[in-house]
mmCIF file of all heavy atoms, coordinates in Angstrom:
data_MODEL
# 
_entry.id   MODEL 
# 
loop_
_atom_site.group_PDB 
_atom_site.id 
_atom_site.type_symbol 
_atom_site.label_atom_id 
_atom_site.label_alt_id 
_atom_site.label_comp_id 
_atom_site.label_asym_id 
_atom_site.label_entity_id 
_atom_site.label_seq_id 
_atom_site.pdbx_PDB_ins_code 
_atom_site.Cartn_x 
_atom_site.Cartn_y 
_atom_site.Cartn_z 
_atom_site.occupancy 
_atom_site.B_iso_or_equiv 
_atom_site.pdbx_formal_charge 
_atom_site.auth_seq_id 
_atom_site.auth_comp_id 
_atom_site.auth_asym_id 
_atom_site.auth_atom_id 
_atom_site.pdbx_PDB_model_num 
ATOM 1   N N   . ASP A 1 1  ? 0.813  -1.219  0.000   1.00 0.00 ? 1  ASP A N   1 
ATOM 2   C CA  . ASP A 1 1  ? 0.000  0.000   0.000   1.00 0.00 ? 1  ASP A CA  1 
ATOM 3   C C   . ASP A 1 1  ? 0.853  1.279   0.000   1.00 0.00 ? 1  ASP A C   1 
ATOM 4   O O   . ASP A 1 1  ? 0.595  2.208   0.766   1.00 0.00 ? 1  ASP A O   1 
ATOM 5   C CB  . ASP A 1 1  ? -0.947 -0.008  1.208   1.00 0.00 ? 1  ASP A CB  1 
ATOM 6   C CG  . ASP A 1 1  ? -2.065 1.027   1.073   1.00 0.00 ? 1  ASP A CG  1 
ATOM 7   O OD1 . ASP A 1 1  ? -2.436 1.356   -0.075  1.00 0.00 ? 1  ASP A OD1 1 
ATOM 8   O OD2 . ASP A 1 1  ? -2.560 1.502   2.112   1.00 0.00 ? 1  ASP A OD2 1 
ATOM 9   N N   . THR A 1 2  ? 1.846  1.320   -0.877  1.00 0.00 ? 2  THR A N   1 
ATOM 10  C CA  . THR A 1 2  ? 2.605  2.560   -1.057  1.00 0.00 ? 2  THR A CA  1 
ATOM 11  C C   . THR A 1 2  ? 1.755  3.542   -1.872  1.00 0.00 ? 2  THR A C   1 
ATOM 12  O O   . THR A 1 2  ? 0.852  3.136   -2.605  1.00 0.00 ? 2  THR A O   1 
ATOM 13  C CB  . THR A 1 2  ? 3.931  2.280   -1.789  1.00 0.00 ? 2  THR A CB  1 
ATOM 14  O OG1 . THR A 1 2  ? 3.670  1.561   -3.000  1.00 0.00 ? 2  THR A OG1 1 
ATOM 15  C CG2 . THR A 1 2  ? 4.871  1.472   -0.911  1.00 0.00 ? 2  THR A CG2 1 
ATOM 16  N N   . PRO A 1 3  ? 2.019  4.838   -1.770  1.00 0.00 ? 3  PRO A N   1 
ATOM 17  C CA  . PRO A 1 3  ? 1.192  5.826   -2.481  1.00 0.00 ? 3  PRO A CA  1 
ATOM 18  C C   . PRO A 1 3  ? 1.137  5.628   -3.994  1.00 0.00 ? 3  PRO A C   1 
ATOM 19  O O   . PRO A 1 3  ? 0.132  5.932   -4.634  1.00 0.00 ? 3  PRO A O   1 
ATOM 20  C CB  . PRO A 1 3  ? 1.860  7.158   -2.120  1.00 0.00 ? 3  PRO A CB  1 
ATOM 21  C CG  . PRO A 1 3  ? 2.491  6.907   -0.782  1.00 0.00 ? 3  PRO A CG  1 
ATOM 22  C CD  . PRO A 1 3  ? 2.979  5.494   -0.851  1.00 0.00 ? 3  PRO A CD  1 
ATOM 23  N N   . GLY A 1 4  ? 2.232  5.146   -4.592  1.00 0.00 ? 4  GLY A N   1 
ATOM 24  C CA  . GLY A 1 4  ? 2.259  4.905   -6.033  1.00 0.00 ? 4  GLY A CA  1 
ATOM 25  C C   . GLY A 1 4  ? 2.966  3.603   -6.331  1.00 0.00 ? 4  GLY A C   1 
ATOM 26  O O   . GLY A 1 4  ? 3.609  3.000   -5.466  1.00 0.00 ? 4  GLY A O   1 
ATOM 27  N N   . ILE A 1 5  ? 2.848  3.149   -7.587  1.00 0.00 ? 5  ILE A N   1 
ATOM 28  C CA  . ILE A 1 5  ? 3.423  1.868   -7.994  1.00 0.00 ? 5  ILE A CA  1 
ATOM 29  C C   . ILE A 1 5  ? 4.194  2.041   -9.297  1.00 0.00 ? 5  ILE A C   1 
ATOM 30  O O   . ILE A 1 5  ? 3.686  2.636   -10.252 1.00 0.00 ? 5  ILE A O   1 
ATOM 31  C CB  . ILE A 1 5  ? 2.320  0.802   -8.186  1.00 0.00 ? 5  ILE A CB  1 
ATOM 32  C CG1 . ILE A 1 5  ? 1.576  0.557   -6.868  1.00 0.00 ? 5  ILE A CG1 1 
ATOM 33  C CG2 . ILE A 1 5  ? 2.919  -0.502  -8.713  1.00 0.00 ? 5  ILE A CG2 1 
ATOM 34  C CD1 . ILE A 1 5  ? 0.394  -0.392  -6.992  1.00 0.00 ? 5  ILE A CD1 1 
ATOM 35  N N   . ALA A 1 6  ? 5.410  1.507   -9.314  1.00 0.00 ? 6  ALA A N   1 
ATOM 36  C CA  . ALA A 1 6  ? 6.222  1.511   -10.528 1.00 0.00 ? 6  ALA A CA  1 
ATOM 37  C C   . ALA A 1 6  ? 6.316  0.105   -11.095 1.00 0.00 ? 6  ALA A C   1 
ATOM 38  O O   . ALA A 1 6  ? 6.323  -0.875  -10.341 1.00 0.00 ? 6  ALA A O   1 
ATOM 39  C CB  . ALA A 1 6  ? 7.626  2.043   -10.239 1.00 0.00 ? 6  ALA A CB  1 
ATOM 40  N N   . ILE A 1 7  ? 6.372  0.018   -12.416 1.00 0.00 ? 7  ILE A N   1 
ATOM 41  C CA  . ILE A 1 7  ? 6.607  -1.255  -13.094 1.00 0.00 ? 7  ILE A CA  1 
ATOM 42  C C   . ILE A 1 7  ? 8.073  -1.288  -13.481 1.00 0.00 ? 7  ILE A C   1 
ATOM 43  O O   . ILE A 1 7  ? 8.519  -0.510  -14.323 1.00 0.00 ? 7  ILE A O   1 
ATOM 44  C CB  . ILE A 1 7  ? 5.710  -1.402  -14.335 1.00 0.00 ? 7  ILE A CB  1 
ATOM 45  C CG1 . ILE A 1 7  ? 4.232  -1.377  -13.928 1.00 0.00 ? 7  ILE A CG1 1 
ATOM 46  C CG2 . ILE A 1 7  ? 6.040  -2.700  -15.077 1.00 0.00 ? 7  ILE A CG2 1 
ATOM 47  C CD1 . ILE A 1 7  ? 3.278  -1.425  -15.114 1.00 0.00 ? 7  ILE A CD1 1 
ATOM 48  N N   . GLY A 1 8  ? 8.837  -2.162  -12.848 1.00 0.00 ? 8  GLY A N   1 
ATOM 49  C CA  . GLY A 1 8  ? 10.265 -2.266  -13.107 1.00 0.00 ? 8  GLY A CA  1 
ATOM 50  C C   . GLY A 1 8  ? 10.603 -3.486  -13.941 1.00 0.00 ? 8  GLY A C   1 
ATOM 51  O O   . GLY A 1 8  ? 9.739  -4.253  -14.362 1.00 0.00 ? 8  GLY A O   1 
ATOM 52  N N   . GLY A 1 9  ? 11.893 -3.656  -14.179 1.00 0.00 ? 9  GLY A N   1 
ATOM 53  C CA  . GLY A 1 9  ? 12.364 -4.842  -14.878 1.00 0.00 ? 9  GLY A CA  1 
ATOM 54  C C   . GLY A 1 9  ? 12.047 -4.894  -16.349 1.00 0.00 ? 9  GLY A C   1 
ATOM 55  O O   . GLY A 1 9  ? 12.050 -5.978  -16.946 1.00 0.00 ? 9  GLY A O   1 
ATOM 56  N N   . LEU A 1 10 ? 11.776 -3.744  -16.955 1.00 0.00 ? 10 LEU A N   1 
ATOM 57  C CA  . LEU A 1 10 ? 11.566 -3.673  -18.396 1.00 0.00 ? 10 LEU A CA  1 
ATOM 58  C C   . LEU A 1 10 ? 12.680 -2.828  -19.011 1.00 0.00 ? 10 LEU A C   1 
ATOM 59  O O   . LEU A 1 10 ? 13.412 -2.146  -18.308 1.00 0.00 ? 10 LEU A O   1 
ATOM 60  C CB  . LEU A 1 10 ? 10.196 -3.074  -18.713 1.00 0.00 ? 10 LEU A CB  1 
ATOM 61  C CG  . LEU A 1 10 ? 8.981  -3.853  -18.202 1.00 0.00 ? 10 LEU A CG  1 
ATOM 62  C CD1 . LEU A 1 10 ? 7.686  -3.095  -18.497 1.00 0.00 ? 10 LEU A CD1 1 
ATOM 63  C CD2 . LEU A 1 10 ? 8.919  -5.245  -18.810 1.00 0.00 ? 10 LEU A CD2 1 
ATOM 64  N N   . SER A 1 11 ? 12.796 -2.872  -20.340 1.00 0.00 ? 11 SER A N   1 
ATOM 65  C CA  . SER A 1 11 ? 13.899 -2.196  -21.038 1.00 0.00 ? 11 SER A CA  1 
ATOM 66  C C   . SER A 1 11 ? 15.241 -2.704  -20.533 1.00 0.00 ? 11 SER A C   1 
ATOM 67  O O   . SER A 1 11 ? 16.165 -1.934  -20.266 1.00 0.00 ? 11 SER A O   1 
ATOM 68  C CB  . SER A 1 11 ? 13.814 -0.671  -20.864 1.00 0.00 ? 11 SER A CB  1 
ATOM 69  O OG  . SER A 1 11 ? 12.685 -0.153  -21.506 1.00 0.00 ? 11 SER A OG  1 
ATOM 70  N N   . VAL A 1 12 ? 15.348 -4.020  -20.386 1.00 0.00 ? 12 VAL A N   1 
ATOM 71  C CA  . VAL A 1 12 ? 16.594 -4.636  -19.896 1.00 0.00 ? 12 VAL A CA  1 
ATOM 72  C C   . VAL A 1 12 ? 17.137 -5.639  -20.915 1.00 0.00 ? 12 VAL A C   1 
ATOM 73  O O   . VAL A 1 12 ? 17.739 -6.643  -20.538 1.00 0.00 ? 12 VAL A O   1 
ATOM 74  C CB  . VAL A 1 12 ? 16.375 -5.311  -18.518 1.00 0.00 ? 12 VAL A CB  1 
ATOM 75  C CG1 . VAL A 1 12 ? 16.191 -4.272  -17.436 1.00 0.00 ? 12 VAL A CG1 1 
ATOM 76  C CG2 . VAL A 1 12 ? 15.186 -6.280  -18.551 1.00 0.00 ? 12 VAL A CG2 1 
ATOM 77  N N   . GLY A 1 13 ? 16.881 -5.358  -22.202 1.00 0.00 ? 13 GLY A N   1 
ATOM 78  C CA  . GLY A 1 13 ? 17.439 -6.205  -23.253 1.00 0.00 ? 13 GLY A CA  1 
ATOM 79  C C   . GLY A 1 13 ? 16.424 -6.988  -24.054 1.00 0.00 ? 13 GLY A C   1 
ATOM 80  O O   . GLY A 1 13 ? 16.791 -7.667  -25.021 1.00 0.00 ? 13 GLY A O   1 
ATOM 81  N N   . GLU A 1 14 ? 15.149 -6.888  -23.706 1.00 0.00 ? 14 GLU A N   1 
ATOM 82  C CA  . GLU A 1 14 ? 14.110 -7.639  -24.417 1.00 0.00 ? 14 GLU A CA  1 
ATOM 83  C C   . GLU A 1 14 ? 13.686 -6.930  -25.700 1.00 0.00 ? 14 GLU A C   1 
ATOM 84  O O   . GLU A 1 14 ? 13.907 -5.729  -25.863 1.00 0.00 ? 14 GLU A O   1 
ATOM 85  C CB  . GLU A 1 14 ? 12.892 -7.854  -23.503 1.00 0.00 ? 14 GLU A CB  1 
ATOM 86  C CG  . GLU A 1 14 ? 11.999 -6.641  -23.289 1.00 0.00 ? 14 GLU A CG  1 
ATOM 87  C CD  . GLU A 1 14 ? 12.520 -5.649  -22.263 1.00 0.00 ? 14 GLU A CD  1 
ATOM 88  O OE1 . GLU A 1 14 ? 13.672 -5.799  -21.820 1.00 0.00 ? 14 GLU A OE1 1 
ATOM 89  O OE2 . GLU A 1 14 ? 11.770 -4.724  -21.920 1.00 0.00 ? 14 GLU A OE2 1 
ATOM 90  N N   . GLN A 1 15 ? 13.053 -7.682  -26.611 1.00 0.00 ? 15 GLN A N   1 
ATOM 91  C CA  . GLN A 1 15 ? 12.532 -7.105  -27.838 1.00 0.00 ? 15 GLN A CA  1 
ATOM 92  C C   . GLN A 1 15 ? 11.284 -6.278  -27.541 1.00 0.00 ? 15 GLN A C   1 
ATOM 93  O O   . GLN A 1 15 ? 10.628 -6.454  -26.511 1.00 0.00 ? 15 GLN A O   1 
ATOM 94  C CB  . GLN A 1 15 ? 12.206 -8.201  -28.848 1.00 0.00 ? 15 GLN A CB  1 
ATOM 95  C CG  . GLN A 1 15 ? 13.428 -8.984  -29.312 1.00 0.00 ? 15 GLN A CG  1 
ATOM 96  C CD  . GLN A 1 15 ? 13.059 -10.128 -30.243 1.00 0.00 ? 15 GLN A CD  1 
ATOM 97  O OE1 . GLN A 1 15 ? 12.017 -10.750 -30.087 1.00 0.00 ? 15 GLN A OE1 1 
ATOM 98  N NE2 . GLN A 1 15 ? 13.923 -10.398 -31.221 1.00 0.00 ? 15 GLN A NE2 1 
ATOM 99  N N   . ALA A 1 16 ? 10.950 -5.375  -28.483 1.00 0.00 ? 16 ALA A N   1 
ATOM 100 C CA  . ALA A 1 16 ? 9.844  -4.446  -28.272 1.00 0.00 ? 16 ALA A CA  1 
ATOM 101 C C   . ALA A 1 16 ? 8.526  -5.171  -28.015 1.00 0.00 ? 16 ALA A C   1 
ATOM 102 O O   . ALA A 1 16 ? 7.742  -4.771  -27.147 1.00 0.00 ? 16 ALA A O   1 
ATOM 103 C CB  . ALA A 1 16 ? 9.706  -3.514  -29.467 1.00 0.00 ? 16 ALA A CB  1 
ATOM 104 N N   . GLU A 1 17 ? 8.260  -6.246  -28.762 1.00 0.00 ? 17 GLU A N   1 
ATOM 105 C CA  . GLU A 1 17 ? 6.990  -6.953  -28.579 1.00 0.00 ? 17 GLU A CA  1 
ATOM 106 C C   . GLU A 1 17 ? 6.905  -7.620  -27.208 1.00 0.00 ? 17 GLU A C   1 
ATOM 107 O O   . GLU A 1 17 ? 5.822  -7.724  -26.618 1.00 0.00 ? 17 GLU A O   1 
ATOM 108 C CB  . GLU A 1 17 ? 6.765  -7.987  -29.685 1.00 0.00 ? 17 GLU A CB  1 
ATOM 109 C CG  . GLU A 1 17 ? 7.841  -9.031  -29.839 1.00 0.00 ? 17 GLU A CG  1 
ATOM 110 C CD  . GLU A 1 17 ? 8.910  -8.639  -30.852 1.00 0.00 ? 17 GLU A CD  1 
ATOM 111 O OE1 . GLU A 1 17 ? 9.108  -7.432  -31.067 1.00 0.00 ? 17 GLU A OE1 1 
ATOM 112 O OE2 . GLU A 1 17 ? 9.542  -9.559  -31.424 1.00 0.00 ? 17 GLU A OE2 1 
ATOM 113 N N   . VAL A 1 18 ? 8.066  -8.053  -26.681 1.00 0.00 ? 18 VAL A N   1 
ATOM 114 C CA  . VAL A 1 18 ? 8.083  -8.642  -25.332 1.00 0.00 ? 18 VAL A CA  1 
ATOM 115 C C   . VAL A 1 18 ? 7.847  -7.546  -24.299 1.00 0.00 ? 18 VAL A C   1 
ATOM 116 O O   . VAL A 1 18 ? 7.081  -7.735  -23.339 1.00 0.00 ? 18 VAL A O   1 
ATOM 117 C CB  . VAL A 1 18 ? 9.423  -9.368  -25.078 1.00 0.00 ? 18 VAL A CB  1 
ATOM 118 C CG1 . VAL A 1 18 ? 9.484  -9.896  -23.644 1.00 0.00 ? 18 VAL A CG1 1 
ATOM 119 C CG2 . VAL A 1 18 ? 9.619  -10.498 -26.074 1.00 0.00 ? 18 VAL A CG2 1 
ATOM 120 N N   . PHE A 1 19 ? 8.506  -6.415  -24.482 1.00 0.00 ? 19 PHE A N   1 
ATOM 121 C CA  . PHE A 1 19 ? 8.276  -5.266  -23.594 1.00 0.00 ? 19 PHE A CA  1 
ATOM 122 C C   . PHE A 1 19 ? 6.792  -4.935  -23.534 1.00 0.00 ? 19 PHE A C   1 
ATOM 123 O O   . PHE A 1 19 ? 6.204  -4.802  -22.444 1.00 0.00 ? 19 PHE A O   1 
ATOM 124 C CB  . PHE A 1 19 ? 9.067  -4.060  -24.089 1.00 0.00 ? 19 PHE A CB  1 
ATOM 125 C CG  . PHE A 1 19 ? 8.806  -2.790  -23.314 1.00 0.00 ? 19 PHE A CG  1 
ATOM 126 C CD1 . PHE A 1 19 ? 9.650  -2.398  -22.298 1.00 0.00 ? 19 PHE A CD1 1 
ATOM 127 C CD2 . PHE A 1 19 ? 7.705  -1.990  -23.603 1.00 0.00 ? 19 PHE A CD2 1 
ATOM 128 C CE1 . PHE A 1 19 ? 9.408  -1.230  -21.571 1.00 0.00 ? 19 PHE A CE1 1 
ATOM 129 C CE2 . PHE A 1 19 ? 7.452  -0.825  -22.888 1.00 0.00 ? 19 PHE A CE2 1 
ATOM 130 C CZ  . PHE A 1 19 ? 8.312  -0.447  -21.873 1.00 0.00 ? 19 PHE A CZ  1 
ATOM 131 N N   . ASN A 1 20 ? 6.172  -4.786  -24.693 1.00 0.00 ? 20 ASN A N   1 
ATOM 132 C CA  . ASN A 1 20 ? 4.760  -4.397  -24.739 1.00 0.00 ? 20 ASN A CA  1 
ATOM 133 C C   . ASN A 1 20 ? 3.871  -5.435  -24.080 1.00 0.00 ? 20 ASN A C   1 
ATOM 134 O O   . ASN A 1 20 ? 2.940  -5.099  -23.341 1.00 0.00 ? 20 ASN A O   1 
ATOM 135 C CB  . ASN A 1 20 ? 4.328  -4.167  -26.185 1.00 0.00 ? 20 ASN A CB  1 
ATOM 136 C CG  . ASN A 1 20 ? 4.904  -2.887  -26.764 1.00 0.00 ? 20 ASN A CG  1 
ATOM 137 O OD1 . ASN A 1 20 ? 5.125  -1.917  -26.050 1.00 0.00 ? 20 ASN A OD1 1 
ATOM 138 N ND2 . ASN A 1 20 ? 5.170  -2.879  -28.058 1.00 0.00 ? 20 ASN A ND2 1 
ATOM 139 N N   . GLU A 1 21 ? 4.153  -6.708  -24.329 1.00 0.00 ? 21 GLU A N   1 
ATOM 140 C CA  . GLU A 1 21 ? 3.339  -7.775  -23.737 1.00 0.00 ? 21 GLU A CA  1 
ATOM 141 C C   . GLU A 1 21 ? 3.378  -7.708  -22.222 1.00 0.00 ? 21 GLU A C   1 
ATOM 142 O O   . GLU A 1 21 ? 2.330  -7.780  -21.552 1.00 0.00 ? 21 GLU A O   1 
ATOM 143 C CB  . GLU A 1 21 ? 3.853  -9.139  -24.210 1.00 0.00 ? 21 GLU A CB  1 
ATOM 144 C CG  . GLU A 1 21 ? 3.120  -10.313 -23.560 1.00 0.00 ? 21 GLU A CG  1 
ATOM 145 C CD  . GLU A 1 21 ? 3.732  -11.670 -23.906 1.00 0.00 ? 21 GLU A CD  1 
ATOM 146 O OE1 . GLU A 1 21 ? 4.693  -11.700 -24.714 1.00 0.00 ? 21 GLU A OE1 1 
ATOM 147 O OE2 . GLU A 1 21 ? 3.263  -12.674 -23.354 1.00 0.00 ? 21 GLU A OE2 1 
ATOM 148 N N   . TYR A 1 22 ? 4.579  -7.556  -21.656 1.00 0.00 ? 22 TYR A N   1 
ATOM 149 C CA  . TYR A 1 22 ? 4.703  -7.576  -20.198 1.00 0.00 ? 22 TYR A CA  1 
ATOM 150 C C   . TYR A 1 22 ? 4.287  -6.252  -19.562 1.00 0.00 ? 22 TYR A C   1 
ATOM 151 O O   . TYR A 1 22 ? 3.791  -6.240  -18.429 1.00 0.00 ? 22 TYR A O   1 
ATOM 152 C CB  . TYR A 1 22 ? 6.124  -7.982  -19.794 1.00 0.00 ? 22 TYR A CB  1 
ATOM 153 C CG  . TYR A 1 22 ? 6.274  -9.486  -19.793 1.00 0.00 ? 22 TYR A CG  1 
ATOM 154 C CD1 . TYR A 1 22 ? 6.520  -10.171 -20.982 1.00 0.00 ? 22 TYR A CD1 1 
ATOM 155 C CD2 . TYR A 1 22 ? 6.112  -10.220 -18.632 1.00 0.00 ? 22 TYR A CD2 1 
ATOM 156 C CE1 . TYR A 1 22 ? 6.615  -11.562 -21.006 1.00 0.00 ? 22 TYR A CE1 1 
ATOM 157 C CE2 . TYR A 1 22 ? 6.206  -11.606 -18.629 1.00 0.00 ? 22 TYR A CE2 1 
ATOM 158 C CZ  . TYR A 1 22 ? 6.452  -12.268 -19.822 1.00 0.00 ? 22 TYR A CZ  1 
ATOM 159 O OH  . TYR A 1 22 ? 6.529  -13.637 -19.830 1.00 0.00 ? 22 TYR A OH  1 
ATOM 160 N N   . LEU A 1 23 ? 4.449  -5.163  -20.271 1.00 0.00 ? 23 LEU A N   1 
ATOM 161 C CA  . LEU A 1 23 ? 3.926  -3.894  -19.765 1.00 0.00 ? 23 LEU A CA  1 
ATOM 162 C C   . LEU A 1 23 ? 2.406  -3.948  -19.689 1.00 0.00 ? 23 LEU A C   1 
ATOM 163 O O   . LEU A 1 23 ? 1.811  -3.631  -18.653 1.00 0.00 ? 23 LEU A O   1 
ATOM 164 C CB  . LEU A 1 23 ? 4.360  -2.741  -20.667 1.00 0.00 ? 23 LEU A CB  1 
ATOM 165 C CG  . LEU A 1 23 ? 3.656  -1.395  -20.401 1.00 0.00 ? 23 LEU A CG  1 
ATOM 166 C CD1 . LEU A 1 23 ? 3.933  -0.899  -18.998 1.00 0.00 ? 23 LEU A CD1 1 
ATOM 167 C CD2 . LEU A 1 23 ? 4.060  -0.359  -21.432 1.00 0.00 ? 23 LEU A CD2 1 
ATOM 168 N N   . ASN A 1 24 ? 1.778  -4.357  -20.787 1.00 0.00 ? 24 ASN A N   1 
ATOM 169 C CA  . ASN A 1 24 ? 0.317  -4.385  -20.840 1.00 0.00 ? 24 ASN A CA  1 
ATOM 170 C C   . ASN A 1 24 ? -0.243 -5.337  -19.796 1.00 0.00 ? 24 ASN A C   1 
ATOM 171 O O   . ASN A 1 24 ? -1.232 -5.035  -19.103 1.00 0.00 ? 24 ASN A O   1 
ATOM 172 C CB  . ASN A 1 24 ? -0.155 -4.792  -22.233 1.00 0.00 ? 24 ASN A CB  1 
ATOM 173 C CG  . ASN A 1 24 ? 0.358  -3.860  -23.320 1.00 0.00 ? 24 ASN A CG  1 
ATOM 174 O OD1 . ASN A 1 24 ? 0.933  -2.815  -23.039 1.00 0.00 ? 24 ASN A OD1 1 
ATOM 175 N ND2 . ASN A 1 24 ? 0.170  -4.241  -24.573 1.00 0.00 ? 24 ASN A ND2 1 
ATOM 176 N N   . TRP A 1 25 ? 0.380  -6.501  -19.678 1.00 0.00 ? 25 TRP A N   1 
ATOM 177 C CA  . TRP A 1 25 ? -0.131 -7.510  -18.749 1.00 0.00 ? 25 TRP A CA  1 
ATOM 178 C C   . TRP A 1 25 ? 0.063  -7.066  -17.299 1.00 0.00 ? 25 TRP A C   1 
ATOM 179 O O   . TRP A 1 25 ? -0.839 -7.210  -16.477 1.00 0.00 ? 25 TRP A O   1 
ATOM 180 C CB  . TRP A 1 25 ? 0.581  -8.840  -18.989 1.00 0.00 ? 25 TRP A CB  1 
ATOM 181 C CG  . TRP A 1 25 ? -0.066 -9.982  -18.264 1.00 0.00 ? 25 TRP A CG  1 
ATOM 182 C CD1 . TRP A 1 25 ? -1.194 -10.666 -18.633 1.00 0.00 ? 25 TRP A CD1 1 
ATOM 183 C CD2 . TRP A 1 25 ? 0.363  -10.552 -17.025 1.00 0.00 ? 25 TRP A CD2 1 
ATOM 184 N NE1 . TRP A 1 25 ? -1.481 -11.628 -17.694 1.00 0.00 ? 25 TRP A NE1 1 
ATOM 185 C CE2 . TRP A 1 25 ? -0.543 -11.591 -16.707 1.00 0.00 ? 25 TRP A CE2 1 
ATOM 186 C CE3 . TRP A 1 25 ? 1.421  -10.305 -16.171 1.00 0.00 ? 25 TRP A CE3 1 
ATOM 187 C CZ2 . TRP A 1 25 ? -0.422 -12.374 -15.573 1.00 0.00 ? 25 TRP A CZ2 1 
ATOM 188 C CZ3 . TRP A 1 25 ? 1.553  -11.079 -15.030 1.00 0.00 ? 25 TRP A CZ3 1 
ATOM 189 C CH2 . TRP A 1 25 ? 0.647  -12.098 -14.734 1.00 0.00 ? 25 TRP A CH2 1 
ATOM 190 N N   . THR A 1 26 ? 1.230  -6.508  -16.982 1.00 0.00 ? 26 THR A N   1 
ATOM 191 C CA  . THR A 1 26 ? 1.480  -6.060  -15.613 1.00 0.00 ? 26 THR A CA  1 
ATOM 192 C C   . THR A 1 26 ? 0.556  -4.904  -15.235 1.00 0.00 ? 26 THR A C   1 
ATOM 193 O O   . THR A 1 26 ? 0.027  -4.857  -14.111 1.00 0.00 ? 26 THR A O   1 
ATOM 194 C CB  . THR A 1 26 ? 2.948  -5.636  -15.436 1.00 0.00 ? 26 THR A CB  1 
ATOM 195 O OG1 . THR A 1 26 ? 3.809  -6.688  -15.886 1.00 0.00 ? 26 THR A OG1 1 
ATOM 196 C CG2 . THR A 1 26 ? 3.246  -5.323  -13.980 1.00 0.00 ? 26 THR A CG2 1 
# 
């Protein structure tokens, strides 16, 4: 229950379609 939430662990060498899949899903 922190005031805001960040999505980490992306833009670490994956392809664009993988980034988008995991961003959207998360």
